[in-house]
């Protein structure tokens, strides 16, 4: 089984976010980048298929040279090879088109993507990738088993969970629960050394057109001042909730 794991290069949630050029561009200075958490769950599940079923695992990213350390980390975790599509990821449709080309050319049976990235939270790429390639699709996936050309997946739905049976080729949008957080892997020294010998190929984009454009970014408004009320002053609390907060 050939598995393709889509890796997004995203800012660490602990990084301070700023914008430049009149709030039209994201400022990367001083920002630490990591593997998108939803993608990391997917990569760890792919490692299970590699170890238990002999699957071959390739990771892919659409981005510039600055994303290669993130791909190298994925290789250090255990992926067999990496592909970087040499294009600036500008919108979900463009990324999906580039990934669809990689999927078709590589003949992958299973594509594991995160249900969304934590930077733009678009949640569009996995579904569009499945549509562009004619593959089956399961999103919000929290469990996945593959037996030959058949797959069983569990996904979260409103009010519960749903188990579905499908077949390969398959694209999934994975999330927390696909593996336990305790199962996530940290590259060890041996993995880091081996990653240097694994292939990281750079391919030129097919030139997919972008359908959207970011006009401006805006940070959330700062939280207002906090008013402290003595625990025995219920009348003041009720007055503030009624006249200022206007919630009662």
C-alpha atoms as a PDB file:
ATOM      1  CA  UNK A   1       0.000   0.000   0.000  1.00  0.00           C
ATOM      2  CA  UNK A   2       1.290   3.425  -0.955  1.00  0.00           C
ATOM      3  CA  UNK A   3       0.366   6.200   1.442  1.00  0.00           C
ATOM      4  CA  UNK A   4       0.701   9.932   0.828  1.00  0.00           C
ATOM      5  CA  UNK A   5       0.570  12.148   3.931  1.00  0.00           C
ATOM      6  CA  UNK A   6      -0.102  15.849   3.340  1.00  0.00           C
ATOM      7  CA  UNK A   7       1.989  18.049   5.636  1.00  0.00           C
ATOM      8  CA  UNK A   8       1.188  21.698   6.328  1.00  0.00           C
ATOM      9  CA  UNK A   9       3.959  24.002   7.571  1.00  0.00           C
ATOM     10  CA  UNK A  10       2.185  26.115  10.216  1.00  0.00           C
ATOM     11  CA  UNK A  11       3.149  28.558  12.991  1.00  0.00           C
ATOM     12  CA  UNK A  12       3.455  27.117  16.473  1.00  0.00           C
ATOM     13  CA  UNK A  13       0.473  28.247  18.541  1.00  0.00           C
ATOM     14  CA  UNK A  14       2.865  29.731  21.112  1.00  0.00           C
ATOM     15  CA  UNK A  15       4.342  32.139  18.537  1.00  0.00           C
ATOM     16  CA  UNK A  16       3.369  35.796  18.600  1.00  0.00           C
ATOM     17  CA  UNK A  17       1.552  36.650  15.377  1.00  0.00           C
ATOM     18  CA  UNK A  18       2.053  39.958  13.556  1.00  0.00           C
ATOM     19  CA  UNK A  19       1.290  41.334  10.116  1.00  0.00           C
ATOM     20  CA  UNK A  20       3.208  43.665   7.809  1.00  0.00           C
ATOM     21  CA  UNK A  21       2.609  45.882   4.777  1.00  0.00           C
ATOM     22  CA  UNK A  22      -0.543  47.465   6.174  1.00  0.00           C
ATOM     23  CA  UNK A  23      -1.779  44.135   7.569  1.00  0.00           C
ATOM     24  CA  UNK A  24      -1.780  42.443   4.169  1.00  0.00           C
ATOM     25  CA  UNK A  25       1.026  39.924   4.804  1.00  0.00           C
ATOM     26  CA  UNK A  26       1.902  37.554   7.606  1.00  0.00           C
ATOM     27  CA  UNK A  27       5.169  38.431   9.363  1.00  0.00           C
ATOM     28  CA  UNK A  28       7.290  35.269   9.698  1.00  0.00           C
ATOM     29  CA  UNK A  29      10.119  36.920  11.639  1.00  0.00           C
ATOM     30  CA  UNK A  30      10.711  35.129  14.918  1.00  0.00           C
ATOM     31  CA  UNK A  31       7.935  32.595  14.277  1.00  0.00           C
ATOM     32  CA  UNK A  32       8.564  28.913  15.003  1.00  0.00           C
ATOM     33  CA  UNK A  33       6.977  26.588  12.443  1.00  0.00           C
ATOM     34  CA  UNK A  34       5.791  23.032  13.093  1.00  0.00           C
ATOM     35  CA  UNK A  35       3.913  20.173  11.453  1.00  0.00           C
ATOM     36  CA  UNK A  36       0.203  20.945  11.471  1.00  0.00           C
ATOM     37  CA  UNK A  37      -1.200  19.009  14.473  1.00  0.00           C
ATOM     38  CA  UNK A  38      -3.977  17.314  12.480  1.00  0.00           C
ATOM     39  CA  UNK A  39      -1.367  16.195   9.942  1.00  0.00           C
ATOM     40  CA  UNK A  40       0.824  14.857  12.730  1.00  0.00           C
ATOM     41  CA  UNK A  41      -1.981  12.557  13.874  1.00  0.00           C
ATOM     42  CA  UNK A  42      -2.258  11.336  10.280  1.00  0.00           C
ATOM     43  CA  UNK A  43       1.486  10.810   9.929  1.00  0.00           C
ATOM     44  CA  UNK A  44       1.566   8.758  13.123  1.00  0.00           C
ATOM     45  CA  UNK A  45      -1.270   6.562  11.823  1.00  0.00           C
ATOM     46  CA  UNK A  46       0.621   6.116   8.560  1.00  0.00           C
ATOM     47  CA  UNK A  47       3.629   4.925  10.569  1.00  0.00           C
ATOM     48  CA  UNK A  48       1.394   2.254  12.090  1.00  0.00           C
ATOM     49  CA  UNK A  49       0.420   1.039   8.606  1.00  0.00           C
ATOM     50  CA  UNK A  50       4.088   1.007   7.651  1.00  0.00           C
ATOM     51  CA  UNK A  51       5.126  -1.072  10.645  1.00  0.00           C
ATOM     52  CA  UNK A  52       2.146  -3.441  10.718  1.00  0.00           C
ATOM     53  CA  UNK A  53       1.330  -3.806   7.018  1.00  0.00           C
ATOM     54  CA  UNK A  54       4.540  -2.834   5.227  1.00  0.00           C
ATOM     55  CA  UNK A  55       3.097   0.334   3.694  1.00  0.00           C
ATOM     56  CA  UNK A  56       5.343   2.828   1.947  1.00  0.00           C
ATOM     57  CA  UNK A  57       4.862   6.377   3.284  1.00  0.00           C
ATOM     58  CA  UNK A  58       5.607   9.601   1.408  1.00  0.00           C
ATOM     59  CA  UNK A  59       4.985  13.066   2.820  1.00  0.00           C
ATOM     60  CA  UNK A  60       4.163  16.052   0.628  1.00  0.00           C
ATOM     61  CA  UNK A  61       3.962  19.796   1.083  1.00  0.00           C
ATOM     62  CA  UNK A  62       3.130  22.685  -1.223  1.00  0.00           C
ATOM     63  CA  UNK A  63       5.509  25.485  -0.322  1.00  0.00           C
ATOM     64  CA  UNK A  64       8.892  27.118  -0.689  1.00  0.00           C
ATOM     65  CA  UNK A  65      12.319  26.014   0.579  1.00  0.00           C
ATOM     66  CA  UNK A  66      11.447  27.309   4.061  1.00  0.00           C
ATOM     67  CA  UNK A  67       9.121  24.310   4.530  1.00  0.00           C
ATOM     68  CA  UNK A  68      11.858  21.701   4.071  1.00  0.00           C
ATOM     69  CA  UNK A  69      12.816  21.508   7.791  1.00  0.00           C
ATOM     70  CA  UNK A  70       9.221  20.491   8.502  1.00  0.00           C
ATOM     71  CA  UNK A  71       9.410  17.780   5.828  1.00  0.00           C
ATOM     72  CA  UNK A  72      12.755  16.620   7.249  1.00  0.00           C
ATOM     73  CA  UNK A  73      11.100  16.271  10.646  1.00  0.00           C
ATOM     74  CA  UNK A  74       8.448  14.057   9.055  1.00  0.00           C
ATOM     75  CA  UNK A  75      11.222  11.962   7.516  1.00  0.00           C
ATOM     76  CA  UNK A  76      12.905  11.719  10.912  1.00  0.00           C
ATOM     77  CA  UNK A  77       9.632  10.468  12.385  1.00  0.00           C
ATOM     78  CA  UNK A  78       9.711   7.624   9.881  1.00  0.00           C
ATOM     79  CA  UNK A  79       8.376   8.593   6.447  1.00  0.00           C
ATOM     80  CA  UNK A  80      10.243   6.961   3.550  1.00  0.00           C
ATOM     81  CA  UNK A  81      10.388   9.949   1.194  1.00  0.00           C
ATOM     82  CA  UNK A  82       9.269  13.553   0.885  1.00  0.00           C
ATOM     83  CA  UNK A  83       8.022  15.725  -1.958  1.00  0.00           C
ATOM     84  CA  UNK A  84       7.946  19.501  -1.969  1.00  0.00           C
ATOM     85  CA  UNK A  85       5.861  21.142  -4.666  1.00  0.00           C
ATOM     86  CA  UNK A  86       7.746  24.358  -5.336  1.00  0.00           C
ATOM     87  CA  UNK A  87       4.862  26.822  -5.119  1.00  0.00           C
ATOM     88  CA  UNK A  88       3.643  29.446  -2.680  1.00  0.00           C
ATOM     89  CA  UNK A  89       0.457  28.036  -1.141  1.00  0.00           C
ATOM     90  CA  UNK A  90      -2.077  30.816  -1.636  1.00  0.00           C
ATOM     91  CA  UNK A  91      -5.474  29.147  -1.418  1.00  0.00           C
ATOM     92  CA  UNK A  92      -7.101  25.769  -0.849  1.00  0.00           C
ATOM     93  CA  UNK A  93      -8.048  25.079  -4.472  1.00  0.00           C
ATOM     94  CA  UNK A  94      -4.535  25.757  -5.727  1.00  0.00           C
ATOM     95  CA  UNK A  95      -3.044  23.446  -3.071  1.00  0.00           C
ATOM     96  CA  UNK A  96      -5.613  20.728  -3.840  1.00  0.00           C
ATOM     97  CA  UNK A  97      -4.789  20.890  -7.560  1.00  0.00           C
ATOM     98  CA  UNK A  98      -1.072  20.537  -6.897  1.00  0.00           C
ATOM     99  CA  UNK A  99      -1.634  17.637  -4.494  1.00  0.00           C
ATOM    100  CA  UNK A 100      -3.993  15.948  -6.963  1.00  0.00           C
ATOM    101  CA  UNK A 101      -1.217  15.950  -9.540  1.00  0.00           C
ATOM    102  CA  UNK A 102       1.196  14.354  -7.047  1.00  0.00           C
ATOM    103  CA  UNK A 103      -1.413  11.748  -6.080  1.00  0.00           C
ATOM    104  CA  UNK A 104      -2.142  10.793  -9.684  1.00  0.00           C
ATOM    105  CA  UNK A 105       1.502  10.599 -10.739  1.00  0.00           C
ATOM    106  CA  UNK A 106       2.471   8.542  -7.679  1.00  0.00           C
ATOM    107  CA  UNK A 107      -0.447   6.130  -7.833  1.00  0.00           C
ATOM    108  CA  UNK A 108      -1.146   6.394  -4.113  1.00  0.00           C
ATOM    109  CA  UNK A 109      -3.802   4.175  -2.545  1.00  0.00           C
ATOM    110  CA  UNK A 110      -4.414   6.223   0.580  1.00  0.00           C
ATOM    111  CA  UNK A 111      -4.002   9.952   1.164  1.00  0.00           C
ATOM    112  CA  UNK A 112      -4.045  11.133   4.765  1.00  0.00           C
ATOM    113  CA  UNK A 113      -4.524  14.856   5.263  1.00  0.00           C
ATOM    114  CA  UNK A 114      -5.494  16.857   8.309  1.00  0.00           C
ATOM    115  CA  UNK A 115      -9.139  17.922   8.282  1.00  0.00           C
ATOM    116  CA  UNK A 116      -7.859  21.516   8.428  1.00  0.00           C
ATOM    117  CA  UNK A 117      -4.688  23.464   9.130  1.00  0.00           C
ATOM    118  CA  UNK A 118      -4.408  25.551  12.282  1.00  0.00           C
ATOM    119  CA  UNK A 119      -3.291  28.695  10.453  1.00  0.00           C
ATOM    120  CA  UNK A 120      -6.161  29.445   8.056  1.00  0.00           C
ATOM    121  CA  UNK A 121      -8.608  26.737   9.218  1.00  0.00           C
ATOM    122  CA  UNK A 122     -10.078  26.469   5.730  1.00  0.00           C
ATOM    123  CA  UNK A 123     -10.871  22.746   5.895  1.00  0.00           C
ATOM    124  CA  UNK A 124     -11.235  22.627   2.091  1.00  0.00           C
ATOM    125  CA  UNK A 125      -8.199  20.799   0.737  1.00  0.00           C
ATOM    126  CA  UNK A 126      -8.995  17.123   1.563  1.00  0.00           C
ATOM    127  CA  UNK A 127     -12.488  17.262   0.055  1.00  0.00           C
ATOM    128  CA  UNK A 128     -11.354  19.059  -3.091  1.00  0.00           C
ATOM    129  CA  UNK A 129      -8.439  16.645  -3.453  1.00  0.00           C
ATOM    130  CA  UNK A 130     -10.832  13.687  -3.357  1.00  0.00           C
ATOM    131  CA  UNK A 131     -13.137  15.329  -5.905  1.00  0.00           C
ATOM    132  CA  UNK A 132     -10.260  16.118  -8.266  1.00  0.00           C
ATOM    133  CA  UNK A 133      -8.927  12.560  -8.176  1.00  0.00           C
ATOM    134  CA  UNK A 134     -12.190  10.606  -8.000  1.00  0.00           C
ATOM    135  CA  UNK A 135     -11.186   9.032  -4.672  1.00  0.00           C
ATOM    136  CA  UNK A 136     -13.523   8.200  -1.828  1.00  0.00           C
ATOM    137  CA  UNK A 137     -13.512  10.692   1.027  1.00  0.00           C
ATOM    138  CA  UNK A 138     -14.037  10.620   4.793  1.00  0.00           C
ATOM    139  CA  UNK A 139     -13.448  13.713   6.906  1.00  0.00           C
ATOM    140  CA  UNK A 140     -13.352  14.320  10.674  1.00  0.00           C
ATOM    141  CA  UNK A 141     -11.801  10.865  10.772  1.00  0.00           C
ATOM    142  CA  UNK A 142     -10.896   9.509  14.227  1.00  0.00           C
ATOM    143  CA  UNK A 143     -10.254   5.866  13.361  1.00  0.00           C
ATOM    144  CA  UNK A 144      -9.014   4.084  10.253  1.00  0.00           C
ATOM    145  CA  UNK A 145      -8.403   0.439   9.389  1.00  0.00           C
ATOM    146  CA  UNK A 146      -7.373  -0.909   5.982  1.00  0.00           C
ATOM    147  CA  UNK A 147      -7.713  -4.528   4.849  1.00  0.00           C
ATOM    148  CA  UNK A 148      -6.505  -5.035   1.308  1.00  0.00           C
ATOM    149  CA  UNK A 149      -8.460  -2.634  -0.867  1.00  0.00           C
ATOM    150  CA  UNK A 150     -11.183  -2.121   1.734  1.00  0.00           C
ATOM    151  CA  UNK A 151     -11.213   0.441   4.525  1.00  0.00           C
ATOM    152  CA  UNK A 152     -13.287   1.083   7.627  1.00  0.00           C
ATOM    153  CA  UNK A 153     -13.310   4.560   9.103  1.00  0.00           C
ATOM    154  CA  UNK A 154     -14.971   6.237  12.044  1.00  0.00           C
ATOM    155  CA  UNK A 155     -15.738   9.920  11.936  1.00  0.00           C
ATOM    156  CA  UNK A 156     -17.242  12.472  14.268  1.00  0.00           C
ATOM    157  CA  UNK A 157     -20.677  13.782  13.363  1.00  0.00           C
ATOM    158  CA  UNK A 158     -23.082  16.134  15.148  1.00  0.00           C
ATOM    159  CA  UNK A 159     -24.134  14.385  18.311  1.00  0.00           C
ATOM    160  CA  UNK A 160     -22.052  11.256  17.903  1.00  0.00           C
ATOM    161  CA  UNK A 161     -19.815   9.098  15.768  1.00  0.00           C
ATOM    162  CA  UNK A 162     -20.362   7.233  12.514  1.00  0.00           C
ATOM    163  CA  UNK A 163     -18.544   4.169  11.178  1.00  0.00           C
ATOM    164  CA  UNK A 164     -18.386   3.816   7.402  1.00  0.00           C
ATOM    165  CA  UNK A 165     -17.053   1.150   5.061  1.00  0.00           C
ATOM    166  CA  UNK A 166     -15.368   2.244   1.855  1.00  0.00           C
ATOM    167  CA  UNK A 167     -12.593   1.253  -0.534  1.00  0.00           C
ATOM    168  CA  UNK A 168      -9.281   2.522  -1.856  1.00  0.00           C
ATOM    169  CA  UNK A 169      -8.260   4.904  -3.289  1.00  0.00           C
ATOM    170  CA  UNK A 170      -9.286   6.976  -0.298  1.00  0.00           C
ATOM    171  CA  UNK A 171      -8.653  10.474   0.996  1.00  0.00           C
ATOM    172  CA  UNK A 172      -9.261  11.148   4.672  1.00  0.00           C
ATOM    173  CA  UNK A 173      -9.349  14.343   6.689  1.00  0.00           C
ATOM    174  CA  UNK A 174      -7.839  13.214   9.981  1.00  0.00           C
ATOM    175  CA  UNK A 175      -7.927  14.842  13.379  1.00  0.00           C
ATOM    176  CA  UNK A 176      -7.224  14.268  17.051  1.00  0.00           C
ATOM    177  CA  UNK A 177      -8.354  10.741  17.890  1.00  0.00           C
ATOM    178  CA  UNK A 178      -6.918   9.111  14.777  1.00  0.00           C
ATOM    179  CA  UNK A 179      -4.157   8.184  17.214  1.00  0.00           C
ATOM    180  CA  UNK A 180      -3.784   9.017  20.867  1.00  0.00           C
ATOM    181  CA  UNK A 181      -1.703  12.058  21.747  1.00  0.00           C
ATOM    182  CA  UNK A 182       0.570   9.774  23.755  1.00  0.00           C
ATOM    183  CA  UNK A 183       1.356   7.898  20.518  1.00  0.00           C
ATOM    184  CA  UNK A 184       2.718  10.964  18.712  1.00  0.00           C
ATOM    185  CA  UNK A 185       6.396  10.531  17.909  1.00  0.00           C
ATOM    186  CA  UNK A 186       9.354  12.760  18.593  1.00  0.00           C
ATOM    187  CA  UNK A 187      12.300  12.283  16.226  1.00  0.00           C
ATOM    188  CA  UNK A 188      15.235  10.583  17.926  1.00  0.00           C
ATOM    189  CA  UNK A 189      18.878  10.934  16.959  1.00  0.00           C
ATOM    190  CA  UNK A 190      18.835   7.809  14.797  1.00  0.00           C
ATOM    191  CA  UNK A 191      15.750   9.059  12.943  1.00  0.00           C
ATOM    192  CA  UNK A 192      17.330  12.478  12.401  1.00  0.00           C
ATOM    193  CA  UNK A 193      20.506  10.925  10.987  1.00  0.00           C
ATOM    194  CA  UNK A 194      18.534   8.592   8.706  1.00  0.00           C
ATOM    195  CA  UNK A 195      16.366  11.481   7.484  1.00  0.00           C
ATOM    196  CA  UNK A 196      19.459  13.067   5.929  1.00  0.00           C
ATOM    197  CA  UNK A 197      19.787  10.062   3.633  1.00  0.00           C
ATOM    198  CA  UNK A 198      16.141   9.876   2.591  1.00  0.00           C
ATOM    199  CA  UNK A 199      15.014  11.476  -0.671  1.00  0.00           C
ATOM    200  CA  UNK A 200      13.404  14.899  -0.583  1.00  0.00           C
ATOM    201  CA  UNK A 201      12.431  15.708  -4.148  1.00  0.00           C
ATOM    202  CA  UNK A 202      11.346  19.114  -5.393  1.00  0.00           C
ATOM    203  CA  UNK A 203       8.797  19.191  -8.206  1.00  0.00           C
ATOM    204  CA  UNK A 204       7.613  22.159 -10.183  1.00  0.00           C
ATOM    205  CA  UNK A 205       3.933  23.083  -9.862  1.00  0.00           C
ATOM    206  CA  UNK A 206       1.334  22.454 -12.528  1.00  0.00           C
ATOM    207  CA  UNK A 207       0.477  26.136 -12.246  1.00  0.00           C
ATOM    208  CA  UNK A 208      -3.002  25.862 -10.749  1.00  0.00           C
ATOM    209  CA  UNK A 209      -4.801  29.184 -10.622  1.00  0.00           C
ATOM    210  CA  UNK A 210      -5.814  30.646  -7.275  1.00  0.00           C
ATOM    211  CA  UNK A 211      -9.524  31.279  -6.769  1.00  0.00           C
ATOM    212  CA  UNK A 212      -9.285  33.462  -3.652  1.00  0.00           C
ATOM    213  CA  UNK A 213      -7.031  36.224  -2.401  1.00  0.00           C
ATOM    214  CA  UNK A 214      -6.385  37.484   1.120  1.00  0.00           C
ATOM    215  CA  UNK A 215      -7.039  41.219   1.251  1.00  0.00           C
ATOM    216  CA  UNK A 216      -6.256  42.023   4.864  1.00  0.00           C
ATOM    217  CA  UNK A 217      -5.575  40.367   8.212  1.00  0.00           C
ATOM    218  CA  UNK A 218      -6.895  41.551  11.545  1.00  0.00           C
ATOM    219  CA  UNK A 219      -6.131  40.392  15.060  1.00  0.00           C
ATOM    220  CA  UNK A 220      -8.978  39.730  17.513  1.00  0.00           C
ATOM    221  CA  UNK A 221      -9.894  42.726  19.606  1.00  0.00           C
ATOM    222  CA  UNK A 222      -8.136  42.777  22.980  1.00  0.00           C
ATOM    223  CA  UNK A 223     -10.172  41.638  25.928  1.00  0.00           C
ATOM    224  CA  UNK A 224     -11.752  44.376  28.011  1.00  0.00           C
ATOM    225  CA  UNK A 225     -10.907  45.192  31.595  1.00  0.00           C
ATOM    226  CA  UNK A 226     -12.109  42.852  34.302  1.00  0.00           C
ATOM    227  CA  UNK A 227     -14.343  44.116  37.084  1.00  0.00           C
ATOM    228  CA  UNK A 228     -13.874  42.313  40.379  1.00  0.00           C
ATOM    229  CA  UNK A 229     -16.858  41.925  42.674  1.00  0.00           C
ATOM    230  CA  UNK A 230     -16.692  40.875  46.296  1.00  0.00           C
ATOM    231  CA  UNK A 231     -18.229  37.399  46.738  1.00  0.00           C
ATOM    232  CA  UNK A 232     -20.816  38.653  49.228  1.00  0.00           C
ATOM    233  CA  UNK A 233     -21.897  41.656  47.110  1.00  0.00           C
ATOM    234  CA  UNK A 234     -24.593  39.921  45.058  1.00  0.00           C
ATOM    235  CA  UNK A 235     -26.538  43.125  44.407  1.00  0.00           C
ATOM    236  CA  UNK A 236     -23.572  44.738  42.638  1.00  0.00           C
ATOM    237  CA  UNK A 237     -22.968  41.598  40.611  1.00  0.00           C
ATOM    238  CA  UNK A 238     -26.580  41.517  39.429  1.00  0.00           C
ATOM    239  CA  UNK A 239     -26.474  45.235  38.631  1.00  0.00           C
ATOM    240  CA  UNK A 240     -23.302  44.847  36.511  1.00  0.00           C
ATOM    241  CA  UNK A 241     -24.647  41.829  34.667  1.00  0.00           C
ATOM    242  CA  UNK A 242     -27.894  43.624  33.937  1.00  0.00           C
ATOM    243  CA  UNK A 243     -26.753  47.179  33.132  1.00  0.00           C
ATOM    244  CA  UNK A 244     -23.205  46.748  31.757  1.00  0.00           C
ATOM    245  CA  UNK A 245     -22.829  43.212  30.438  1.00  0.00           C
ATOM    246  CA  UNK A 246     -26.544  43.137  29.518  1.00  0.00           C
ATOM    247  CA  UNK A 247     -26.698  39.370  29.814  1.00  0.00           C
ATOM    248  CA  UNK A 248     -29.651  39.256  32.208  1.00  0.00           C
END
